Amino acid sequence: MKNSFARTLCCAAVLFWVAAPDAMAVEQAGVAAGVQGNIVLAATNAAPGVVGRRAKSGEQIFIGDRVRSDADGAMQVVLLDETVFTIGPDSDLTIDEFVYDPGGGAGKVGATIGKGAFRFITGKVAQARPENMTVRTPNATIGVRGTIVYGLTSGTESVIALGGPGGDKNGSDRIGAVTVNTAQGSVNLQREGYAAVIGPSGAVDVQRLTPELKARIFGALAPPRAAAAAAAAGSVAINNAGEAAGQATAAAGIGAREVATLVAAVLQTDNNAVAASQDTRRSGSFAAAADAFTLDATVQRLTGFGSAIPQNVNLPLSLELTWANIPDLDFHLTGPNGGEGRFHIFFGARGNFGSGQFAALSNDRTGSGGSETIVINGLTPGDLYRASVFNFGNSSPNGTSLAQLSNATVRVVVNGQLQLTGAGGTVTGGTVAAIYRVPTTGVGNTWNVLSVDPATRVVAPVGTVNSAGIP
């Protein structure tokens, strides 16, 4: 497959230098390749009423060109720095910006994926300066570092996945990563097979993709007729790494219209506590270990505030609990009290943001589902901070509703802002450093979520459900 890809690039380079050098040096971004079905190519600045022309393999692609595929269409755009975009049926891609210096690899790549299935492999520009490549969807901005990215977007919902490091393309010493920014926050994908899942509100979550879900996403890149023919032949190649989907998945040829269904399927994927703790949301500014991460120097104490958590202020460290289906989960935090034992923050003693515990609870949500947030205003030296969730609505020591029904999640957010709503206290903006989910196999009334060591600044997941009490 690498030899085939190299031949494609070689052909692209020949086409580039043979046709109209003067125009290409200024405007050309790349060439079309692997065109299947009906692909409409038009400049974004075309006159009103101009619908474009049908694209052909080998055709020049210029800066500002918009490529749209129909229900049976698919193609690649091979840029001159060896960046490769692939789109599937019912997809929309625009090359917004392309500048490239072949001598040193410097330049800029900018593209917008309006809808549909996509995959892209970074080239020389991202290898030289990763920050100079940006890909946008209607609800997210994707930054990359030497890697392969694939996904789907409907315009209001998106799945954006890390396909692997750059490998031979960008050098063995460069580890691939994807940063996904939305209006609601930022996540960093650092392990292959994980995806940022963006809902209609712009909220972004991170999920591990099962083989079936990966197959469905890659299946969306194949035109239905081509996928059905391949399935009839016996097997379907999913991607250049050689992954394969089952015949039924490939034959379905899932298109962008089903993105909402796929998003729902991804969000319902069962990630156990170990997997969630080892592969959680990461910010590029954090030095993350396998099952823990270290807070950086931006987590510092704020002064001049009272006991209540301030709103519209960037808060040092927020722990946001959300849940559904069952009533009245309570968020608890214990920690060092400045040389005077340990404090315990919960609905009956909400703490003090500006002094004393330098930590506080936002609210007490008693309804079925909702959210509560605990904010730690800088770390006080001493023993570990410990966060836990108690099932006040069903405190039976043999209960299973906390593990099996609550869908409880705790996000760890740095420099986010507290928002109080009727459903509780949530955090917007900032950097999501980790997300932990309640284990689905535990028995008991208490979920021990995480600990924070003020000496090392390490946040470590605990991930157990029992009835041993608040630690």
Protein backbone atom coordinates (compact mmCIF):
# COMPACT_ATOMS: atom_id res chain seq x y z
CA MET A 1 0.00 0.00 0.00
CA LYS A 2 2.93 2.36 0.71
CA ASN A 3 4.26 1.76 -2.82
CA SER A 4 0.80 2.47 -4.26
CA PHE A 5 0.59 5.68 -2.28
CA ALA A 6 4.05 6.71 -3.47
CA ARG A 7 3.03 6.10 -7.09
CA THR A 8 -0.04 8.32 -6.54
CA LEU A 9 2.14 11.11 -5.21
CA CYS A 10 4.60 10.70 -8.04
CA CYS A 11 1.81 11.01 -10.59
CA ALA A 12 0.48 14.02 -8.74
CA ALA A 13 3.88 15.71 -8.88
CA VAL A 14 4.21 15.02 -12.62
CA LEU A 15 0.79 16.49 -13.26
CA PHE A 16 1.69 19.50 -11.17
CA TRP A 17 4.82 20.37 -13.10
CA VAL A 18 3.50 19.63 -16.57
CA ALA A 19 0.44 21.87 -16.71
CA ALA A 20 0.57 25.67 -16.47
CA PRO A 21 3.54 26.26 -14.10
CA ASP A 22 2.89 29.97 -13.65
CA ALA A 23 -0.68 29.52 -12.43
CA MET A 24 0.23 26.54 -10.27
CA ALA A 25 3.06 28.30 -8.47
CA VAL A 26 0.53 30.85 -7.24
CA GLU A 27 -2.77 29.03 -6.90
CA GLN A 28 -2.63 25.28 -7.28
CA ALA A 29 -2.95 23.24 -4.10
CA GLY A 30 -2.93 19.71 -5.50
CA VAL A 31 -4.71 17.24 -7.77
CA ALA A 32 -7.80 15.05 -7.72
CA ALA A 33 -7.26 11.29 -7.48
CA GLY A 34 -9.35 8.15 -7.22
CA VAL A 35 -12.54 9.86 -8.35
CA GLN A 36 -15.60 7.61 -8.11
CA GLY A 37 -19.17 8.53 -8.95
CA ASN A 38 -20.28 12.11 -9.36
CA ILE A 39 -17.98 14.74 -7.83
CA VAL A 40 -18.75 18.43 -8.39
CA LEU A 41 -15.78 20.81 -8.28
CA ALA A 42 -16.30 24.58 -8.08
CA ALA A 43 -14.44 27.62 -6.81
CA THR A 44 -15.88 29.13 -3.65
CA ASN A 45 -15.72 32.58 -5.29
CA ALA A 46 -17.58 31.43 -8.42
CA ALA A 47 -20.22 33.73 -9.83
CA PRO A 48 -23.83 33.25 -8.65
CA GLY A 49 -25.55 30.45 -10.52
CA VAL A 50 -22.34 28.59 -11.37
CA VAL A 51 -22.77 25.02 -10.13
CA GLY A 52 -19.31 23.77 -11.03
CA ARG A 53 -18.05 20.92 -13.16
CA ARG A 54 -17.67 17.20 -12.80
CA ALA A 55 -14.24 16.35 -11.39
CA LYS A 56 -11.88 13.85 -12.98
CA SER A 57 -8.84 12.05 -11.62
CA GLY A 58 -5.67 14.02 -12.34
CA GLU A 59 -7.50 17.35 -12.45
CA GLN A 60 -5.86 20.31 -10.74
CA ILE A 61 -7.26 21.46 -7.39
CA PHE A 62 -6.80 25.13 -6.61
CA ILE A 63 -6.95 27.15 -3.41
CA GLY A 64 -10.60 27.94 -2.71
CA ASP A 65 -11.95 24.93 -4.61
CA ARG A 66 -14.95 23.20 -3.10
CA VAL A 67 -15.45 19.48 -3.73
CA ARG A 68 -18.87 17.88 -3.25
CA SER A 69 -19.77 14.21 -3.71
CA ASP A 70 -23.18 12.68 -4.32
CA ALA A 71 -24.57 9.49 -2.78
CA ASP A 72 -22.28 7.33 -4.95
CA GLY A 73 -19.22 9.59 -4.97
CA ALA A 74 -15.80 9.42 -3.32
CA MET A 75 -12.36 10.84 -4.09
CA GLN A 76 -8.97 11.95 -2.83
CA VAL A 77 -7.35 15.37 -2.93
CA VAL A 78 -3.55 14.99 -2.97
CA LEU A 79 -1.90 18.26 -1.97
CA LEU A 80 1.56 19.20 -3.18
CA ASP A 81 3.11 18.73 0.27
CA GLU A 82 1.81 15.11 0.29
CA THR A 83 -1.17 15.80 2.52
CA VAL A 84 -4.01 13.53 1.38
CA PHE A 85 -7.71 14.16 1.99
CA THR A 86 -10.25 11.39 1.30
CA ILE A 87 -14.00 12.05 1.26
CA GLY A 88 -16.88 9.61 0.99
CA PRO A 89 -20.45 9.89 -0.33
CA ASP A 90 -22.55 12.98 0.45
CA SER A 91 -19.47 14.88 1.57
CA ASP A 92 -18.23 18.44 1.19
CA LEU A 93 -14.58 19.58 1.30
CA THR A 94 -13.06 23.03 0.67
CA ILE A 95 -9.33 23.80 0.40
CA ASP A 96 -9.24 27.17 2.15
CA GLU A 97 -5.51 27.83 2.25
CA PHE A 98 -2.35 26.28 0.86
CA VAL A 99 1.16 27.66 0.94
CA TYR A 100 4.16 25.38 0.52
CA ASP A 101 7.91 25.82 0.16
CA PRO A 102 9.29 22.50 -1.16
CA GLY A 103 12.79 23.55 -0.16
CA GLY A 104 12.16 23.62 3.59
CA GLY A 105 8.65 22.24 3.99
CA ALA A 106 7.32 25.48 5.45
CA GLY A 107 3.82 26.60 4.59
CA LYS A 108 0.18 26.45 5.64
CA VAL A 109 -2.69 24.07 5.05
CA GLY A 110 -6.28 24.99 5.81
CA ALA A 111 -9.39 23.02 4.86
CA THR A 112 -13.07 22.84 5.82
CA ILE A 113 -15.13 19.65 5.89
CA GLY A 114 -18.73 20.80 5.62
CA LYS A 115 -20.34 17.38 5.97
CA GLY A 116 -19.85 13.68 5.38
CA ALA A 117 -17.16 11.08 5.89
CA PHE A 118 -13.49 12.04 5.73
CA ARG A 119 -9.95 10.90 6.32
CA PHE A 120 -6.73 12.86 6.01
CA ILE A 121 -3.05 12.05 6.29
CA THR A 122 -0.72 14.90 7.14
CA GLY A 123 2.13 15.90 4.85
CA LYS A 124 5.29 18.00 4.82
CA VAL A 125 3.71 21.21 6.15
CA ALA A 126 2.43 19.53 9.31
CA GLN A 127 5.73 17.69 9.66
CA ALA A 128 7.69 20.96 9.69
CA ARG A 129 5.22 23.01 11.77
CA PRO A 130 2.14 21.14 13.07
CA GLU A 131 0.44 24.37 14.13
CA ASN A 132 0.32 25.47 10.49
CA MET A 133 -2.27 22.85 9.52
CA THR A 134 -5.89 23.39 10.52
CA VAL A 135 -8.98 21.48 9.46
CA ARG A 136 -12.42 22.76 10.36
CA THR A 137 -15.85 21.19 10.59
CA PRO A 138 -19.01 23.23 11.27
CA ASN A 139 -18.67 22.61 15.02
CA ALA A 140 -14.95 22.01 15.62
CA THR A 141 -11.40 22.98 14.72
CA ILE A 142 -8.88 20.16 14.35
CA GLY A 143 -5.19 20.64 15.01
CA VAL A 144 -2.81 17.82 14.16
CA ARG A 145 0.70 16.56 14.82
CA GLY A 146 2.00 14.05 12.29
CA THR A 147 -0.91 11.69 12.04
CA ILE A 148 -3.97 10.19 10.36
CA VAL A 149 -7.44 11.51 11.22
CA TYR A 150 -10.79 10.12 10.17
CA GLY A 151 -14.42 10.73 11.04
CA LEU A 152 -17.88 11.94 10.12
CA THR A 153 -19.72 15.23 10.46
CA SER A 154 -23.34 16.17 9.85
CA GLY A 155 -22.76 19.86 10.50
CA THR A 156 -24.25 19.71 14.00
CA GLU A 157 -22.69 16.47 15.23
CA SER A 158 -19.25 15.03 14.61
CA VAL A 159 -17.01 12.05 15.37
CA ILE A 160 -13.30 12.85 14.94
CA ALA A 161 -10.88 9.96 15.54
CA LEU A 162 -7.12 9.47 15.75
CA GLY A 163 -6.04 6.90 13.19
CA GLY A 164 -2.41 6.58 14.25
CA PRO A 165 0.98 8.31 14.24
CA GLY A 166 2.62 9.61 11.11
CA GLY A 167 4.78 6.48 10.80
CA ASP A 168 6.98 6.49 7.68
CA LYS A 169 5.28 9.63 6.40
CA ASN A 170 6.39 11.98 9.15
CA GLY A 171 9.29 10.11 10.72
CA SER A 172 9.42 7.47 13.43
CA ASP A 173 10.34 9.99 16.11
CA ARG A 174 7.09 11.93 15.83
CA ILE A 175 4.09 10.72 17.82
CA GLY A 176 0.71 11.50 16.32
CA ALA A 177 -1.91 13.51 18.18
CA VAL A 178 -5.10 15.40 17.44
CA THR A 179 -6.43 18.46 19.26
CA VAL A 180 -10.15 19.14 18.84
CA ASN A 181 -11.46 22.56 19.87
CA THR A 182 -15.14 23.50 20.15
CA ALA A 183 -17.05 26.38 21.70
CA GLN A 184 -17.46 24.22 24.83
CA GLY A 185 -13.88 23.11 25.35
CA SER A 186 -10.81 21.32 24.05
CA VAL A 187 -9.64 17.70 24.03
CA ASN A 188 -6.43 16.04 22.91
CA LEU A 189 -6.42 12.53 21.40
CA GLN A 190 -3.11 10.75 21.91
CA ARG A 191 -3.99 7.09 21.35
CA GLU A 192 -5.18 5.41 18.19
CA GLY A 193 -8.80 4.30 18.20
CA TYR A 194 -10.15 7.10 20.41
CA ALA A 195 -12.49 9.77 19.13
CA ALA A 196 -13.80 13.20 20.06
CA VAL A 197 -17.60 13.05 19.93
CA ILE A 198 -19.33 16.42 19.52
CA GLY A 199 -23.05 16.79 20.09
CA PRO A 200 -25.46 19.48 18.84
CA SER A 201 -24.68 21.75 21.81
CA GLY A 202 -20.96 21.75 20.98
CA ALA A 203 -20.09 19.74 24.09
CA VAL A 204 -17.18 17.43 23.36
CA ASP A 205 -16.59 13.99 24.83
CA VAL A 206 -13.92 11.33 24.31
CA GLN A 207 -14.80 7.70 23.64
CA ARG A 208 -12.93 4.53 22.73
CA LEU A 209 -14.17 3.19 19.38
CA THR A 210 -15.06 -0.48 19.21
CA PRO A 211 -14.00 -2.37 16.05
CA GLU A 212 -17.62 -2.29 14.91
CA LEU A 213 -17.85 1.49 15.27
CA LYS A 214 -14.55 1.98 13.45
CA ALA A 215 -15.85 -0.24 10.67
CA ARG A 216 -19.01 1.85 10.41
CA ILE A 217 -17.02 5.07 10.10
CA PHE A 218 -14.68 3.66 7.47
CA GLY A 219 -17.65 2.09 5.73
CA ALA A 220 -19.03 5.59 5.26
CA LEU A 221 -15.99 6.43 3.10
CA ALA A 222 -16.96 3.81 0.52
CA PRO A 223 -19.70 4.51 -2.06
CA PRO A 224 -22.59 2.06 -1.47
CA ARG A 225 -22.22 0.37 -4.85
CA ALA A 226 -18.47 -0.11 -4.43
CA ALA A 227 -18.90 -1.38 -0.87
CA ALA A 228 -21.61 -3.83 -1.91
CA ALA A 229 -19.46 -5.15 -4.75
CA ALA A 230 -16.48 -5.58 -2.45
CA ALA A 231 -18.61 -7.32 0.15
CA ALA A 232 -19.95 -9.69 -2.48
CA ALA A 233 -16.33 -10.54 -3.35
CA GLY A 234 -15.81 -11.74 0.19
CA SER A 235 -14.06 -9.02 2.24
CA VAL A 236 -13.65 -5.28 2.46
CA ALA A 237 -10.45 -3.36 3.20
CA ILE A 238 -11.20 -0.58 5.63
CA ASN A 239 -8.09 1.55 5.60
CA ASN A 240 -4.44 1.63 4.59
CA ALA A 241 -3.47 -0.13 7.80
CA GLY A 242 -5.33 -3.21 6.63
CA GLU A 243 -8.28 -3.23 9.05
CA ALA A 244 -11.32 -5.05 7.69
CA ALA A 245 -15.02 -4.70 8.27
CA GLY A 246 -17.63 -7.41 7.98
CA GLN A 247 -19.53 -7.78 4.74
CA ALA A 248 -22.78 -6.41 6.09
CA THR A 249 -21.17 -3.25 7.44
CA ALA A 250 -19.37 -2.53 4.19
CA ALA A 251 -22.37 -3.23 2.02
CA ALA A 252 -24.42 -0.74 4.02
CA GLY A 253 -22.24 2.13 2.78
CA ILE A 254 -23.25 4.35 5.72
CA GLY A 255 -23.38 7.99 4.70
CA ALA A 256 -23.35 11.34 6.46
CA ARG A 257 -27.10 11.29 7.02
CA GLU A 258 -26.53 8.71 9.72
CA VAL A 259 -23.97 10.68 11.69
CA ALA A 260 -26.48 11.37 14.49
CA THR A 261 -27.15 7.64 14.83
CA LEU A 262 -23.44 6.91 14.91
CA VAL A 263 -22.81 9.63 17.52
CA ALA A 264 -25.48 8.05 19.72
CA ALA A 265 -23.90 4.62 19.24
CA VAL A 266 -20.46 5.92 20.20
CA LEU A 267 -21.79 7.63 23.31
CA GLN A 268 -23.49 4.41 24.41
CA THR A 269 -20.26 2.42 24.14
CA ASP A 270 -19.45 0.84 27.49
CA ASN A 271 -16.01 1.98 28.66
CA ASN A 272 -15.02 0.38 31.95
CA ALA A 273 -13.21 2.34 34.61
CA VAL A 274 -9.77 0.97 33.80
CA ALA A 275 -10.02 1.86 30.12
CA ALA A 276 -11.46 5.26 30.92
CA SER A 277 -8.75 6.05 33.43
CA GLN A 278 -5.93 4.94 31.14
CA ASP A 279 -7.15 6.71 28.02
CA THR A 280 -8.98 9.82 29.15
CA ARG A 281 -9.10 13.30 27.75
CA ARG A 282 -5.70 14.89 27.75
CA SER A 283 -4.51 18.41 27.17
CA GLY A 284 -1.26 18.84 25.32
CA SER A 285 -0.01 20.93 28.26
CA PHE A 286 -0.21 17.94 30.62
CA ALA A 287 2.44 15.26 31.06
CA ALA A 288 0.11 12.27 31.20
CA ALA A 289 1.20 8.92 32.58
CA ALA A 290 -0.58 5.68 31.65
CA ASP A 291 -3.29 6.00 34.31
CA ALA A 292 -2.70 9.45 35.80
CA PHE A 293 -1.59 12.91 34.78
CA THR A 294 0.28 15.83 36.29
CA LEU A 295 -1.24 19.27 36.73
CA ASP A 296 0.90 21.97 35.19
CA ALA A 297 1.90 25.33 36.62
CA THR A 298 -1.28 27.11 35.49
CA VAL A 299 -3.21 25.53 38.39
CA GLN A 300 -2.63 28.25 40.98
CA ARG A 301 -4.72 29.69 43.82
CA LEU A 302 -6.92 32.72 43.14
CA THR A 303 -7.13 35.42 45.83
CA GLY A 304 -9.64 38.09 46.72
CA PHE A 305 -12.78 35.91 46.57
CA GLY A 306 -15.37 34.93 49.18
CA SER A 307 -16.75 31.55 50.15
CA ALA A 308 -18.92 30.98 47.06
CA ILE A 309 -17.43 29.81 43.77
CA PRO A 310 -17.24 32.85 41.44
CA GLN A 311 -18.86 32.68 38.02
CA ASN A 312 -17.37 34.06 34.78
CA VAL A 313 -13.88 33.51 36.21
CA ASN A 314 -11.30 30.98 35.01
CA LEU A 315 -11.15 28.51 37.89
CA PRO A 316 -7.94 26.60 38.71
CA LEU A 317 -9.29 23.04 38.96
CA SER A 318 -12.91 21.93 38.55
CA LEU A 319 -14.36 18.46 39.09
CA GLU A 320 -17.72 18.24 37.31
CA LEU A 321 -20.07 15.35 38.14
CA THR A 322 -22.94 14.57 35.76
CA TRP A 323 -25.38 11.67 35.85
CA ALA A 324 -28.76 10.47 34.53
CA ASN A 325 -31.65 8.07 35.19
CA ILE A 326 -31.51 7.91 39.01
CA PRO A 327 -32.18 10.57 41.69
CA ASP A 328 -29.83 12.37 44.03
CA LEU A 329 -26.18 11.53 43.66
CA ASP A 330 -23.98 13.57 46.02
CA PHE A 331 -20.45 14.74 45.23
CA HIS A 332 -17.91 14.60 48.10
CA LEU A 333 -14.36 15.89 48.47
CA THR A 334 -12.02 15.33 51.40
CA GLY A 335 -8.60 16.90 51.69
CA PRO A 336 -5.88 18.56 53.79
CA ASN A 337 -7.10 21.40 55.96
CA GLY A 338 -3.89 23.40 56.35
CA GLY A 339 -2.40 21.40 59.23
CA GLU A 340 -5.70 20.96 61.09
CA GLY A 341 -6.82 17.51 60.03
CA ARG A 342 -8.93 16.92 56.94
CA PHE A 343 -11.94 18.76 55.58
CA HIS A 344 -15.04 17.10 54.13
CA ILE A 345 -17.07 18.98 51.52
CA PHE A 346 -20.56 17.75 50.56
CA PHE A 347 -24.15 19.08 50.42
CA GLY A 348 -24.22 19.66 54.19
CA ALA A 349 -20.88 21.52 54.30
CA ARG A 350 -20.14 23.15 50.97
CA GLY A 351 -16.71 24.48 51.82
CA ASN A 352 -15.07 27.84 51.21
CA PHE A 353 -13.56 28.88 47.88
CA GLY A 354 -11.62 31.92 49.12
CA SER A 355 -10.17 30.69 52.44
CA GLY A 356 -10.05 27.72 54.81
CA GLN A 357 -10.48 24.63 52.65
CA PHE A 358 -9.93 26.65 49.44
CA ALA A 359 -12.46 24.31 47.82
CA ALA A 360 -16.23 24.45 47.44
CA LEU A 361 -19.30 22.62 46.10
CA SER A 362 -21.42 24.49 43.55
CA ASN A 363 -24.88 23.13 44.42
CA ASP A 364 -26.89 20.15 45.67
CA ARG A 365 -28.85 18.51 42.86
CA THR A 366 -31.52 16.11 44.18
CA GLY A 367 -33.44 15.32 40.99
CA SER A 368 -33.15 12.40 38.60
CA GLY A 369 -30.04 13.28 36.66
CA GLY A 370 -28.14 16.54 36.75
CA SER A 371 -24.75 17.89 37.74
CA GLU A 372 -22.68 19.12 40.67
CA THR A 373 -19.22 20.70 40.55
CA ILE A 374 -16.48 20.92 43.14
CA VAL A 375 -13.78 23.53 42.54
CA ILE A 376 -10.34 23.28 44.15
CA ASN A 377 -8.79 26.75 44.42
CA GLY A 378 -5.15 25.75 44.36
CA LEU A 379 -3.60 22.85 46.27
CA THR A 380 -2.94 22.94 50.02
CA PRO A 381 0.10 20.92 51.19
CA GLY A 382 -0.67 17.73 53.09
CA ASP A 383 -2.41 14.42 52.48
CA LEU A 384 -4.25 13.46 49.31
CA TYR A 385 -7.43 15.11 48.08
CA ARG A 386 -10.05 12.40 47.45
CA ALA A 387 -13.20 12.81 45.35
CA SER A 388 -16.10 10.37 45.58
CA VAL A 389 -19.79 10.07 44.66
CA PHE A 390 -22.45 8.76 47.09
CA ASN A 391 -25.80 7.37 45.96
CA PHE A 392 -28.03 9.24 48.41
CA GLY A 393 -31.16 8.27 46.44
CA ASN A 394 -30.47 4.55 47.02
CA SER A 395 -27.93 4.08 49.78
CA SER A 396 -28.29 0.29 49.99
CA PRO A 397 -24.82 -1.26 50.40
CA ASN A 398 -25.87 -3.95 47.91
CA GLY A 399 -27.29 -1.56 45.35
CA THR A 400 -26.28 -1.66 41.69
CA SER A 401 -28.06 1.44 40.32
CA LEU A 402 -24.99 3.68 40.80
CA ALA A 403 -22.86 1.41 38.62
CA GLN A 404 -25.41 0.12 36.15
CA LEU A 405 -27.93 2.94 35.66
CA SER A 406 -26.43 6.32 36.54
CA ASN A 407 -24.03 6.87 33.61
CA ALA A 408 -22.09 8.98 36.12
CA THR A 409 -19.13 10.89 34.74
CA VAL A 410 -16.56 13.22 36.30
CA ARG A 411 -14.70 15.69 34.11
CA VAL A 412 -11.47 17.28 35.32
CA VAL A 413 -11.25 20.79 33.85
CA VAL A 414 -8.47 23.37 34.16
CA ASN A 415 -9.30 27.08 33.78
CA GLY A 416 -12.97 26.46 33.06
CA GLN A 417 -15.87 28.68 34.17
CA LEU A 418 -18.77 27.62 36.40
CA GLN A 419 -22.31 27.94 35.04
CA LEU A 420 -25.30 27.37 37.35
CA THR A 421 -28.51 26.16 35.71
CA GLY A 422 -31.71 24.49 36.79
CA ALA A 423 -30.05 21.11 36.33
CA GLY A 424 -27.05 22.00 38.49
CA GLY A 425 -23.51 23.33 38.17
CA THR A 426 -21.54 22.72 34.97
CA VAL A 427 -18.20 23.91 33.62
CA THR A 428 -17.69 25.56 30.24
CA GLY A 429 -14.49 26.40 28.39
CA GLY A 430 -11.08 25.63 29.77
CA THR A 431 -9.06 22.49 29.08
CA VAL A 432 -10.52 19.07 29.81
CA ALA A 433 -7.59 17.21 31.33
CA ALA A 434 -9.40 13.92 32.01
CA ILE A 435 -12.79 12.26 32.10
CA TYR A 436 -13.67 9.31 34.31
CA ARG A 437 -16.76 7.09 34.18
CA VAL A 438 -18.32 4.99 36.90
CA PRO A 439 -17.46 1.28 36.60
CA THR A 440 -20.48 -0.62 35.33
CA THR A 441 -19.84 -3.83 37.27
CA GLY A 442 -19.55 -2.54 40.85
CA VAL A 443 -21.90 -3.18 43.77
CA GLY A 444 -22.37 -0.53 46.43
CA ASN A 445 -23.38 3.06 47.15
CA THR A 446 -20.05 4.89 46.72
CA TRP A 447 -17.89 5.50 43.66
CA ASN A 448 -14.32 6.39 44.59
CA VAL A 449 -13.38 8.58 41.64
CA LEU A 450 -9.87 10.03 41.99
CA SER A 451 -7.15 11.41 44.19
CA VAL A 452 -4.93 14.49 43.89
CA ASP A 453 -1.48 14.57 45.47
CA PRO A 454 -0.60 18.18 46.38
CA ALA A 455 3.11 17.32 46.63
CA THR A 456 3.50 15.85 43.15
CA ARG A 457 0.40 17.48 41.56
CA VAL A 458 -0.57 14.06 40.18
CA VAL A 459 -4.25 13.34 39.57
CA ALA A 460 -4.85 9.57 39.67
CA PRO A 461 -8.07 7.62 39.04
CA VAL A 462 -9.33 5.19 41.69
CA GLY A 463 -12.27 3.70 39.83
CA THR A 464 -13.94 1.47 42.44
CA VAL A 465 -17.56 1.07 43.56
CA ASN A 466 -18.19 -0.24 47.10
CA SER A 467 -19.92 0.64 50.36
CA ALA A 468 -16.82 1.33 52.45
CA GLY A 469 -17.80 4.95 53.08
CA ILE A 470 -16.37 8.30 52.05
CA PRO A 471 -12.54 8.09 52.07
